[in-house]
């Protein structure tokens, strides 16, 4: 099985499962019926085509005309769920949009409504107590990892500025900026004094 077919199948199945679990998402899907949106992931050079009908079809290739084309980096993908972020992303050149911006906003609205309840799904197979314990354990583990990464970043920044002296500290930068301002002021005064002396001559 080609990797593209596998990826599109996984994305399509996941999204349709989430859409079927929520009546509000079904109403948002109905607004997009008959439309086609392409999303290009810049790092991979891959384009996914989202075809809206009674359900959502995700394709790796599409012969017809696309109503809206989006191109973005993987890191921007989570921000696409926030409808208010679209214009900011476009202005910051993080998102390239060709076509109807309202269609992109409706797509963003559809994605923002997809909130999977992992604990509920898991409880169907394991029971409520086990599902709750697993989800809480995963959240705790993720939080621990995020705190560890933040701590390592702080430690690295400290090593770079304090021990290795590869980058100046914030106070050094502020002091340098103050010195530059002082020099500018002195030059302006000197220039004014020279102009006064020239006028007298």
N, C-alpha and C. Protein backbone atom coordinates (compact mmCIF):
# COMPACT_ATOMS: atom_id res chain seq x y z
N UNK A 1 0.84 -1.18 0.00
CA UNK A 1 0.00 0.00 0.00
C UNK A 1 0.89 1.25 0.00
N UNK A 2 0.72 2.14 -0.97
CA UNK A 2 1.53 3.37 -0.98
C UNK A 2 1.27 4.20 0.27
N UNK A 3 2.30 4.91 0.70
CA UNK A 3 2.22 5.69 1.93
C UNK A 3 1.17 6.79 1.83
N UNK A 4 1.01 7.40 0.62
CA UNK A 4 0.02 8.47 0.45
C UNK A 4 -1.40 7.96 0.71
N UNK A 5 -1.69 6.77 0.20
CA UNK A 5 -3.02 6.19 0.39
C UNK A 5 -3.25 5.91 1.87
N UNK A 6 -2.22 5.42 2.56
CA UNK A 6 -2.33 5.13 3.99
C UNK A 6 -2.60 6.42 4.78
N UNK A 7 -1.82 7.47 4.49
CA UNK A 7 -1.96 8.75 5.22
C UNK A 7 -3.34 9.35 4.99
N UNK A 8 -3.77 9.42 3.72
CA UNK A 8 -5.09 10.00 3.44
C UNK A 8 -6.20 9.17 4.08
N UNK A 9 -6.04 7.86 4.09
CA UNK A 9 -7.03 7.00 4.71
C UNK A 9 -7.14 7.23 6.21
N UNK A 10 -6.00 7.36 6.87
CA UNK A 10 -5.99 7.60 8.32
C UNK A 10 -6.62 8.95 8.64
N UNK A 11 -6.22 10.00 7.89
CA UNK A 11 -6.77 11.35 8.13
C UNK A 11 -8.27 11.35 7.88
N UNK A 12 -8.71 10.75 6.78
CA UNK A 12 -10.14 10.73 6.44
C UNK A 12 -10.95 9.98 7.49
N UNK A 13 -10.50 8.80 7.88
CA UNK A 13 -11.23 8.00 8.86
C UNK A 13 -11.31 8.72 10.20
N UNK A 14 -10.19 9.31 10.63
CA UNK A 14 -10.17 10.01 11.92
C UNK A 14 -11.13 11.19 11.91
N UNK A 15 -11.06 12.01 10.86
CA UNK A 15 -11.92 13.20 10.80
C UNK A 15 -13.40 12.82 10.71
N UNK A 16 -13.73 11.82 9.90
CA UNK A 16 -15.13 11.42 9.78
C UNK A 16 -15.67 10.83 11.07
N UNK A 17 -14.83 10.10 11.80
CA UNK A 17 -15.26 9.56 13.09
C UNK A 17 -15.58 10.70 14.05
N UNK A 18 -14.72 11.71 14.10
CA UNK A 18 -14.96 12.87 14.97
C UNK A 18 -16.19 13.66 14.52
N UNK A 19 -16.38 13.80 13.22
CA UNK A 19 -17.53 14.53 12.70
C UNK A 19 -18.84 13.81 13.03
N UNK A 20 -18.83 12.49 12.95
CA UNK A 20 -20.05 11.72 13.23
C UNK A 20 -20.44 11.75 14.70
N UNK A 21 -19.48 12.04 15.57
CA UNK A 21 -19.77 12.07 17.01
C UNK A 21 -20.41 13.37 17.47
N UNK A 22 -20.47 14.37 16.61
CA UNK A 22 -20.90 15.70 17.03
C UNK A 22 -21.90 16.27 16.04
N UNK A 23 -23.14 16.54 16.51
CA UNK A 23 -24.19 17.07 15.63
C UNK A 23 -23.83 18.46 15.13
N UNK A 24 -23.18 19.28 15.96
CA UNK A 24 -22.79 20.64 15.55
C UNK A 24 -21.78 20.59 14.40
N UNK A 25 -20.87 19.63 14.46
CA UNK A 25 -19.89 19.46 13.38
C UNK A 25 -20.58 19.07 12.08
N UNK A 26 -21.63 18.29 12.19
CA UNK A 26 -22.39 17.91 10.99
C UNK A 26 -23.01 19.15 10.32
N UNK A 27 -23.50 20.10 11.13
CA UNK A 27 -24.05 21.33 10.57
C UNK A 27 -22.96 22.16 9.89
N UNK A 28 -21.77 22.21 10.50
CA UNK A 28 -20.65 22.96 9.89
C UNK A 28 -20.21 22.28 8.60
N UNK A 29 -20.26 20.95 8.57
CA UNK A 29 -19.89 20.20 7.37
C UNK A 29 -20.87 20.49 6.24
N UNK A 30 -22.16 20.63 6.58
CA UNK A 30 -23.18 20.88 5.57
C UNK A 30 -22.92 22.21 4.84
N UNK A 31 -22.36 23.21 5.53
CA UNK A 31 -22.06 24.50 4.89
C UNK A 31 -20.97 24.37 3.83
N UNK A 32 -20.13 23.35 3.96
CA UNK A 32 -19.01 23.16 3.03
C UNK A 32 -19.34 22.19 1.89
N UNK A 33 -20.53 21.63 1.91
CA UNK A 33 -20.90 20.60 0.93
C UNK A 33 -20.70 21.10 -0.50
N UNK A 34 -20.04 20.27 -1.30
CA UNK A 34 -19.80 20.60 -2.70
C UNK A 34 -18.51 21.37 -2.93
N UNK A 35 -17.78 21.69 -1.87
CA UNK A 35 -16.54 22.46 -1.99
C UNK A 35 -15.32 21.55 -1.90
N UNK A 36 -14.21 22.04 -2.44
CA UNK A 36 -12.93 21.31 -2.39
C UNK A 36 -11.85 22.27 -1.90
N UNK A 37 -11.14 21.85 -0.88
CA UNK A 37 -10.04 22.66 -0.32
C UNK A 37 -8.76 21.84 -0.39
N UNK A 38 -7.69 22.46 -0.88
CA UNK A 38 -6.40 21.77 -0.89
C UNK A 38 -5.52 22.38 0.20
N UNK A 39 -4.81 21.51 0.91
CA UNK A 39 -3.88 21.95 1.95
C UNK A 39 -2.51 21.36 1.62
N UNK A 40 -1.54 22.24 1.36
CA UNK A 40 -0.18 21.81 1.04
C UNK A 40 0.70 22.00 2.26
N UNK A 41 1.38 20.93 2.66
CA UNK A 41 2.34 20.99 3.77
C UNK A 41 3.70 21.28 3.15
N UNK A 42 4.23 22.48 3.41
CA UNK A 42 5.44 22.95 2.73
C UNK A 42 6.64 22.03 2.93
N UNK A 43 6.87 21.58 4.17
CA UNK A 43 8.07 20.77 4.45
C UNK A 43 8.09 19.47 3.65
N UNK A 44 6.92 18.90 3.43
CA UNK A 44 6.84 17.60 2.74
C UNK A 44 6.57 17.75 1.26
N UNK A 45 6.10 18.93 0.86
CA UNK A 45 5.74 19.11 -0.54
C UNK A 45 4.53 18.27 -0.93
N UNK A 46 3.71 17.91 0.06
CA UNK A 46 2.53 17.07 -0.18
C UNK A 46 1.27 17.91 -0.08
N UNK A 47 0.30 17.59 -0.92
CA UNK A 47 -0.98 18.29 -0.90
C UNK A 47 -2.09 17.29 -0.61
N UNK A 48 -2.94 17.63 0.35
CA UNK A 48 -4.13 16.84 0.64
C UNK A 48 -5.34 17.62 0.16
N UNK A 49 -6.27 16.92 -0.47
CA UNK A 49 -7.48 17.54 -0.99
C UNK A 49 -8.66 17.09 -0.13
N UNK A 50 -9.37 18.08 0.44
CA UNK A 50 -10.52 17.80 1.27
C UNK A 50 -11.77 18.07 0.44
N UNK A 51 -12.50 16.99 0.13
CA UNK A 51 -13.70 17.07 -0.69
C UNK A 51 -14.90 16.87 0.23
N UNK A 52 -15.80 17.87 0.26
CA UNK A 52 -16.91 17.87 1.19
C UNK A 52 -18.19 17.44 0.48
N UNK A 53 -18.83 16.41 1.04
CA UNK A 53 -20.13 15.95 0.55
C UNK A 53 -20.94 15.56 1.78
N UNK A 54 -21.59 14.40 1.75
CA UNK A 54 -22.29 13.92 2.95
C UNK A 54 -21.30 13.64 4.07
N UNK A 55 -20.08 13.35 3.65
CA UNK A 55 -18.98 13.14 4.59
C UNK A 55 -17.77 13.89 4.05
N UNK A 56 -16.64 13.67 4.67
CA UNK A 56 -15.40 14.33 4.23
C UNK A 56 -14.51 13.28 3.57
N UNK A 57 -14.12 13.53 2.33
CA UNK A 57 -13.19 12.66 1.63
C UNK A 57 -11.84 13.35 1.58
N UNK A 58 -10.78 12.62 1.89
CA UNK A 58 -9.42 13.16 1.84
C UNK A 58 -8.67 12.41 0.76
N UNK A 59 -8.16 13.15 -0.23
CA UNK A 59 -7.51 12.54 -1.39
C UNK A 59 -6.07 13.05 -1.51
N UNK A 60 -5.22 12.22 -2.11
CA UNK A 60 -3.85 12.61 -2.38
C UNK A 60 -3.70 13.28 -3.74
N UNK A 61 -4.70 13.15 -4.60
CA UNK A 61 -4.69 13.78 -5.93
C UNK A 61 -6.12 14.12 -6.30
N UNK A 62 -6.28 15.22 -7.06
CA UNK A 62 -7.63 15.65 -7.45
C UNK A 62 -7.56 16.29 -8.82
N UNK A 63 -8.44 15.86 -9.72
CA UNK A 63 -8.41 16.32 -11.11
C UNK A 63 -9.19 17.62 -11.33
N UNK A 64 -10.23 17.86 -10.51
CA UNK A 64 -11.11 19.00 -10.75
C UNK A 64 -10.55 20.31 -10.24
N UNK A 65 -11.44 21.31 -10.20
CA UNK A 65 -11.06 22.65 -9.75
C UNK A 65 -11.21 22.75 -8.24
N UNK A 66 -10.24 23.42 -7.62
CA UNK A 66 -10.22 23.59 -6.17
C UNK A 66 -10.78 24.97 -5.83
N UNK A 67 -11.64 25.03 -4.80
CA UNK A 67 -12.26 26.30 -4.41
C UNK A 67 -11.34 27.16 -3.55
N UNK A 68 -10.46 26.52 -2.81
CA UNK A 68 -9.56 27.27 -1.92
C UNK A 68 -8.27 26.47 -1.74
N UNK A 69 -7.14 27.16 -1.86
CA UNK A 69 -5.84 26.51 -1.70
C UNK A 69 -5.11 27.11 -0.51
N UNK A 70 -4.65 26.24 0.39
CA UNK A 70 -3.88 26.68 1.54
C UNK A 70 -2.50 26.03 1.47
N UNK A 71 -1.47 26.79 1.84
CA UNK A 71 -0.12 26.24 1.94
C UNK A 71 0.47 26.74 3.24
N UNK A 72 1.02 25.80 4.03
CA UNK A 72 1.53 26.16 5.35
C UNK A 72 2.56 25.16 5.83
N UNK A 73 3.27 25.52 6.90
CA UNK A 73 4.22 24.61 7.54
C UNK A 73 3.50 23.77 8.58
N UNK A 74 4.09 22.63 8.91
CA UNK A 74 3.48 21.74 9.90
C UNK A 74 3.25 22.44 11.23
N UNK A 75 4.18 23.31 11.63
CA UNK A 75 4.07 23.98 12.92
C UNK A 75 2.85 24.89 12.99
N UNK A 76 2.33 25.33 11.83
CA UNK A 76 1.19 26.24 11.79
C UNK A 76 -0.13 25.47 11.86
N UNK A 77 -0.09 24.16 11.58
CA UNK A 77 -1.30 23.36 11.51
C UNK A 77 -2.20 23.48 12.73
N UNK A 78 -1.68 23.41 13.97
CA UNK A 78 -2.57 23.57 15.14
C UNK A 78 -3.24 24.94 15.19
N UNK A 79 -2.56 25.97 14.69
CA UNK A 79 -3.14 27.32 14.73
C UNK A 79 -4.28 27.47 13.73
N UNK A 80 -4.35 26.58 12.76
CA UNK A 80 -5.41 26.64 11.75
C UNK A 80 -6.78 26.38 12.39
N UNK A 81 -6.77 25.74 13.56
CA UNK A 81 -8.03 25.45 14.24
C UNK A 81 -8.66 26.70 14.83
N UNK A 82 -7.88 27.76 14.99
CA UNK A 82 -8.41 29.01 15.53
C UNK A 82 -8.79 29.92 14.36
N UNK A 83 -10.07 30.11 14.15
CA UNK A 83 -10.56 30.88 13.01
C UNK A 83 -10.02 32.31 13.04
N UNK A 84 -9.87 32.89 14.22
CA UNK A 84 -9.39 34.27 14.35
C UNK A 84 -7.93 34.41 13.92
N UNK A 85 -7.19 33.31 13.92
CA UNK A 85 -5.76 33.36 13.58
C UNK A 85 -5.49 33.46 12.08
N UNK A 86 -6.47 33.16 11.24
CA UNK A 86 -6.23 33.06 9.80
C UNK A 86 -5.61 34.32 9.21
N UNK A 87 -6.23 35.48 9.46
CA UNK A 87 -5.69 36.71 8.87
C UNK A 87 -4.31 37.04 9.44
N UNK A 88 -4.09 36.76 10.73
CA UNK A 88 -2.77 37.00 11.33
C UNK A 88 -1.72 36.11 10.69
N UNK A 89 -2.07 34.85 10.45
CA UNK A 89 -1.14 33.91 9.82
C UNK A 89 -0.80 34.35 8.39
N UNK A 90 -1.80 34.86 7.68
CA UNK A 90 -1.57 35.32 6.31
C UNK A 90 -0.64 36.54 6.32
N UNK A 91 -0.92 37.50 7.23
CA UNK A 91 -0.09 38.71 7.33
C UNK A 91 1.35 38.38 7.71
N UNK A 92 1.52 37.34 8.55
CA UNK A 92 2.86 36.95 9.00
C UNK A 92 3.55 36.03 7.99
N UNK A 93 2.94 35.81 6.83
CA UNK A 93 3.48 34.91 5.79
C UNK A 93 3.68 33.48 6.29
N UNK A 94 2.88 33.08 7.26
CA UNK A 94 2.93 31.69 7.73
C UNK A 94 1.91 30.83 7.00
N UNK A 95 0.96 31.49 6.34
CA UNK A 95 -0.10 30.80 5.62
C UNK A 95 -0.30 31.49 4.28
N UNK A 96 -0.27 30.68 3.22
CA UNK A 96 -0.56 31.20 1.88
C UNK A 96 -1.97 30.74 1.51
N UNK A 97 -2.81 31.69 1.10
CA UNK A 97 -4.19 31.38 0.78
C UNK A 97 -4.51 31.89 -0.61
N UNK A 98 -5.08 31.02 -1.43
CA UNK A 98 -5.51 31.40 -2.76
C UNK A 98 -6.95 30.93 -2.92
N UNK A 99 -7.86 31.87 -3.03
CA UNK A 99 -9.26 31.50 -3.15
C UNK A 99 -10.11 32.23 -2.12
N UNK A 100 -11.25 31.65 -1.79
CA UNK A 100 -12.24 32.26 -0.91
C UNK A 100 -11.81 32.17 0.55
N UNK A 101 -11.56 33.32 1.19
CA UNK A 101 -11.13 33.32 2.59
C UNK A 101 -12.27 32.85 3.50
N UNK A 102 -13.52 33.12 3.12
CA UNK A 102 -14.65 32.65 3.94
C UNK A 102 -14.70 31.14 3.98
N UNK A 103 -14.35 30.52 2.87
CA UNK A 103 -14.31 29.06 2.81
C UNK A 103 -13.22 28.53 3.75
N UNK A 104 -12.08 29.21 3.76
CA UNK A 104 -11.00 28.83 4.68
C UNK A 104 -11.44 29.00 6.12
N UNK A 105 -12.19 30.07 6.40
CA UNK A 105 -12.69 30.29 7.76
C UNK A 105 -13.69 29.21 8.17
N UNK A 106 -14.55 28.80 7.23
CA UNK A 106 -15.50 27.72 7.52
C UNK A 106 -14.77 26.40 7.78
N UNK A 107 -13.71 26.16 7.01
CA UNK A 107 -12.88 24.96 7.21
C UNK A 107 -12.23 25.01 8.59
N UNK A 108 -11.71 26.18 8.95
CA UNK A 108 -11.10 26.37 10.26
C UNK A 108 -12.13 26.15 11.37
N UNK A 109 -13.34 26.65 11.16
CA UNK A 109 -14.42 26.47 12.13
C UNK A 109 -14.78 24.99 12.29
N UNK A 110 -14.79 24.28 11.18
CA UNK A 110 -15.06 22.84 11.22
C UNK A 110 -14.00 22.12 12.05
N UNK A 111 -12.73 22.46 11.81
CA UNK A 111 -11.64 21.81 12.54
C UNK A 111 -11.66 22.17 14.02
N UNK A 112 -12.02 23.43 14.33
CA UNK A 112 -12.02 23.85 15.74
C UNK A 112 -13.10 23.13 16.54
N UNK A 113 -14.16 22.70 15.87
CA UNK A 113 -15.23 21.99 16.57
C UNK A 113 -14.92 20.54 16.86
N UNK A 114 -13.85 20.02 16.28
CA UNK A 114 -13.50 18.62 16.48
C UNK A 114 -12.68 18.47 17.77
N UNK A 115 -13.35 18.05 18.81
CA UNK A 115 -12.68 17.88 20.10
C UNK A 115 -12.87 16.43 20.54
N UNK A 116 -11.90 15.58 20.22
CA UNK A 116 -12.07 14.17 20.55
C UNK A 116 -12.07 13.93 22.06
N UNK A 117 -13.01 13.11 22.51
CA UNK A 117 -13.06 12.73 23.92
C UNK A 117 -12.39 11.36 24.03
N UNK A 118 -11.07 11.39 24.19
CA UNK A 118 -10.27 10.16 24.23
C UNK A 118 -10.72 9.27 25.38
N UNK A 119 -10.97 9.91 26.52
CA UNK A 119 -11.36 9.14 27.71
C UNK A 119 -12.66 8.38 27.48
N UNK A 120 -13.62 9.02 26.82
CA UNK A 120 -14.91 8.39 26.53
C UNK A 120 -14.73 7.20 25.58
N UNK A 121 -13.94 7.40 24.52
CA UNK A 121 -13.70 6.32 23.55
C UNK A 121 -12.98 5.15 24.21
N UNK A 122 -11.98 5.47 25.01
CA UNK A 122 -11.19 4.44 25.66
C UNK A 122 -12.03 3.65 26.67
N UNK A 123 -12.97 4.34 27.32
CA UNK A 123 -13.79 3.68 28.35
C UNK A 123 -14.68 2.60 27.74
N UNK A 124 -14.99 2.69 26.45
CA UNK A 124 -15.81 1.66 25.80
C UNK A 124 -15.07 0.32 25.75
N UNK A 125 -13.73 0.37 25.78
CA UNK A 125 -12.94 -0.85 25.70
C UNK A 125 -12.37 -1.27 27.06
N UNK A 126 -12.10 -0.30 27.92
CA UNK A 126 -11.39 -0.63 29.16
C UNK A 126 -12.21 -0.42 30.42
N UNK A 127 -13.29 0.35 30.32
CA UNK A 127 -14.05 0.73 31.50
C UNK A 127 -13.67 2.13 31.94
N UNK A 128 -14.55 2.75 32.72
CA UNK A 128 -14.37 4.15 33.10
C UNK A 128 -13.12 4.40 33.94
N UNK A 129 -12.90 3.55 34.94
CA UNK A 129 -11.80 3.79 35.88
C UNK A 129 -10.45 3.67 35.18
N UNK A 130 -10.28 2.62 34.40
CA UNK A 130 -9.01 2.41 33.69
C UNK A 130 -8.77 3.53 32.68
N UNK A 131 -9.82 3.90 31.94
CA UNK A 131 -9.69 4.96 30.94
C UNK A 131 -9.29 6.27 31.60
N UNK A 132 -9.96 6.61 32.71
CA UNK A 132 -9.64 7.85 33.43
C UNK A 132 -8.19 7.83 33.92
N UNK A 133 -7.78 6.70 34.49
CA UNK A 133 -6.41 6.56 35.01
C UNK A 133 -5.38 6.71 33.89
N UNK A 134 -5.64 6.08 32.74
CA UNK A 134 -4.71 6.16 31.62
C UNK A 134 -4.60 7.58 31.06
N UNK A 135 -5.73 8.24 30.88
CA UNK A 135 -5.72 9.59 30.32
C UNK A 135 -5.04 10.56 31.28
N UNK A 136 -5.36 10.46 32.58
CA UNK A 136 -4.72 11.35 33.56
C UNK A 136 -3.22 11.08 33.64
N UNK A 137 -2.84 9.79 33.55
CA UNK A 137 -1.42 9.44 33.55
C UNK A 137 -0.70 10.01 32.33
N UNK A 138 -1.36 9.96 31.17
CA UNK A 138 -0.78 10.52 29.95
C UNK A 138 -0.62 12.03 30.06
N UNK A 139 -1.65 12.70 30.63
CA UNK A 139 -1.57 14.16 30.81
C UNK A 139 -0.44 14.54 31.76
N UNK A 140 -0.32 13.77 32.85
CA UNK A 140 0.75 14.03 33.83
C UNK A 140 2.11 13.82 33.20
N UNK A 141 2.24 12.73 32.43
CA UNK A 141 3.51 12.43 31.75
C UNK A 141 3.88 13.52 30.75
N UNK A 142 2.89 13.99 29.98
CA UNK A 142 3.13 15.06 29.00
C UNK A 142 3.56 16.34 29.70
N UNK A 143 2.88 16.66 30.79
CA UNK A 143 3.24 17.86 31.56
C UNK A 143 4.66 17.76 32.10
N UNK A 144 5.03 16.56 32.58
CA UNK A 144 6.38 16.34 33.11
C UNK A 144 7.42 16.54 32.01
N UNK A 145 7.15 15.99 30.83
CA UNK A 145 8.07 16.13 29.69
C UNK A 145 8.20 17.59 29.28
N UNK A 146 7.06 18.32 29.22
CA UNK A 146 7.09 19.73 28.83
C UNK A 146 7.90 20.56 29.83
N UNK A 147 7.72 20.27 31.15
CA UNK A 147 8.49 20.99 32.16
C UNK A 147 9.98 20.67 32.03
N UNK A 148 10.30 19.41 31.74
CA UNK A 148 11.69 19.01 31.56
C UNK A 148 12.34 19.72 30.37
N UNK A 149 11.60 19.83 29.27
CA UNK A 149 12.12 20.52 28.09
C UNK A 149 12.34 22.00 28.39
N UNK A 150 11.38 22.63 29.09
CA UNK A 150 11.51 24.05 29.44
C UNK A 150 12.72 24.26 30.35
N UNK A 151 12.92 23.34 31.29
CA UNK A 151 14.07 23.44 32.20
C UNK A 151 15.37 23.31 31.43
N UNK A 152 15.44 22.37 30.49
CA UNK A 152 16.66 22.18 29.68
C UNK A 152 16.95 23.43 28.84
N UNK A 153 15.88 24.03 28.30
CA UNK A 153 16.07 25.24 27.50
C UNK A 153 16.64 26.37 28.36
N UNK A 154 16.11 26.52 29.58
CA UNK A 154 16.63 27.55 30.48
C UNK A 154 18.08 27.28 30.84
N UNK A 155 18.39 26.00 31.12
CA UNK A 155 19.77 25.63 31.46
C UNK A 155 20.72 25.93 30.31
N UNK A 156 20.30 25.58 29.09
CA UNK A 156 21.13 25.82 27.92
C UNK A 156 21.36 27.31 27.70
N UNK A 157 20.28 28.10 27.86
CA UNK A 157 20.42 29.55 27.70
C UNK A 157 21.40 30.11 28.73
N UNK A 158 21.33 29.59 29.94
CA UNK A 158 22.24 30.06 31.00
C UNK A 158 23.69 29.68 30.69
N UNK A 159 23.90 28.46 30.20
CA UNK A 159 25.26 28.02 29.85
C UNK A 159 25.82 28.89 28.73
N UNK A 160 24.98 29.16 27.71
CA UNK A 160 25.44 29.95 26.56
C UNK A 160 25.81 31.37 26.98
N UNK A 161 25.01 31.97 27.87
CA UNK A 161 25.28 33.37 28.24
C UNK A 161 26.25 33.50 29.41
N UNK A 162 26.18 32.60 30.39
CA UNK A 162 26.99 32.74 31.61
C UNK A 162 28.37 32.08 31.50
N UNK A 163 28.38 30.81 31.07
CA UNK A 163 29.63 30.05 31.10
C UNK A 163 30.43 30.19 29.80
N UNK A 164 29.78 29.95 28.67
CA UNK A 164 30.50 29.96 27.41
C UNK A 164 30.65 31.37 26.85
N UNK A 165 29.84 32.31 27.34
CA UNK A 165 29.88 33.71 26.88
C UNK A 165 29.71 33.84 25.36
N UNK A 166 28.87 32.97 24.79
CA UNK A 166 28.61 33.01 23.35
C UNK A 166 27.58 34.08 22.99
N UNK A 167 26.75 34.43 23.95
CA UNK A 167 25.72 35.45 23.70
C UNK A 167 25.67 36.38 24.91
N UNK A 168 25.38 37.64 24.68
CA UNK A 168 25.32 38.58 25.80
C UNK A 168 24.06 38.37 26.63
N UNK A 169 24.16 38.73 27.91
CA UNK A 169 22.99 38.64 28.78
C UNK A 169 22.06 39.81 28.49
N UNK A 170 20.84 39.71 28.99
CA UNK A 170 19.84 40.75 28.74
C UNK A 170 20.30 42.10 29.30
N UNK A 171 20.93 42.08 30.49
CA UNK A 171 21.40 43.34 31.09
C UNK A 171 22.53 43.96 30.28
N UNK A 172 23.40 43.12 29.72
CA UNK A 172 24.48 43.63 28.88
C UNK A 172 23.93 44.30 27.63
N UNK A 173 22.92 43.70 27.05
CA UNK A 173 22.29 44.27 25.84
C UNK A 173 21.65 45.61 26.18
N UNK A 174 20.94 45.67 27.32
CA UNK A 174 20.30 46.92 27.73
C UNK A 174 21.35 48.01 27.99
N UNK A 175 22.46 47.63 28.65
CA UNK A 175 23.53 48.59 28.93
C UNK A 175 24.14 49.12 27.63
N UNK A 176 24.36 48.21 26.67
CA UNK A 176 24.92 48.61 25.37
C UNK A 176 23.97 49.57 24.65
N UNK A 177 22.66 49.26 24.70
CA UNK A 177 21.67 50.13 24.05
C UNK A 177 21.68 51.52 24.69
N UNK A 178 21.83 51.57 26.02
CA UNK A 178 21.91 52.86 26.72
C UNK A 178 23.14 53.64 26.27
N UNK A 179 24.27 52.94 26.14
CA UNK A 179 25.50 53.60 25.70
C UNK A 179 25.36 54.16 24.29
N UNK A 180 24.71 53.41 23.41
CA UNK A 180 24.48 53.88 22.04
C UNK A 180 23.62 55.14 22.06
N UNK A 181 22.58 55.15 22.90
CA UNK A 181 21.73 56.34 23.02
C UNK A 181 22.53 57.54 23.51
N UNK A 182 23.41 57.31 24.48
CA UNK A 182 24.25 58.40 25.00
C UNK A 182 25.15 58.96 23.90
N UNK A 183 25.75 58.08 23.10
CA UNK A 183 26.62 58.53 22.01
C UNK A 183 25.81 59.34 20.99
N UNK A 184 24.60 58.87 20.68
CA UNK A 184 23.74 59.61 19.74
C UNK A 184 23.46 61.03 20.26
N UNK A 185 23.15 61.11 21.54
CA UNK A 185 22.87 62.42 22.16
C UNK A 185 24.10 63.32 22.09
N UNK A 186 25.26 62.76 22.42
CA UNK A 186 26.51 63.55 22.38
C UNK A 186 26.82 64.02 20.97
N UNK A 187 26.62 63.17 19.97
CA UNK A 187 26.87 63.54 18.57
C UNK A 187 25.92 64.66 18.15
N UNK A 188 24.66 64.56 18.56
CA UNK A 188 23.68 65.60 18.21
C UNK A 188 24.07 66.94 18.82
N UNK A 189 24.53 66.91 20.08
CA UNK A 189 24.98 68.15 20.74
C UNK A 189 26.19 68.73 20.03
N UNK A 190 27.15 67.86 19.69
CA UNK A 190 28.36 68.31 19.01
C UNK A 190 28.04 68.92 17.65
N UNK A 191 27.13 68.29 16.94
CA UNK A 191 26.72 68.79 15.63
C UNK A 191 26.05 70.17 15.75
N UNK A 192 25.21 70.32 16.78
CA UNK A 192 24.55 71.61 17.00
C UNK A 192 25.58 72.68 17.34
N UNK A 193 26.57 72.34 18.14
CA UNK A 193 27.63 73.29 18.54
C UNK A 193 28.47 73.71 17.32
N UNK A 194 28.79 72.71 16.45
CA UNK A 194 29.57 73.01 15.25
C UNK A 194 28.78 73.95 14.34
N UNK A 195 27.48 73.69 14.20
CA UNK A 195 26.63 74.56 13.35
C UNK A 195 26.59 75.97 13.88
N UNK A 196 26.53 76.10 15.24
CA UNK A 196 26.54 77.45 15.84
C UNK A 196 27.85 78.18 15.54
N UNK A 197 28.95 77.46 15.66
CA UNK A 197 30.26 78.07 15.40
C UNK A 197 30.40 78.48 13.93
N UNK A 198 29.88 77.66 13.03
CA UNK A 198 29.96 77.98 11.61
C UNK A 198 29.13 79.21 11.27
N UNK A 199 27.99 79.37 11.94
CA UNK A 199 27.13 80.53 11.68
C UNK A 199 27.81 81.83 12.11
N UNK A 200 28.62 81.74 13.15
CA UNK A 200 29.31 82.95 13.65
C UNK A 200 30.45 83.39 12.72
N UNK A 201 31.01 82.41 12.01
CA UNK A 201 32.17 82.72 11.16
C UNK A 201 31.79 83.42 9.88
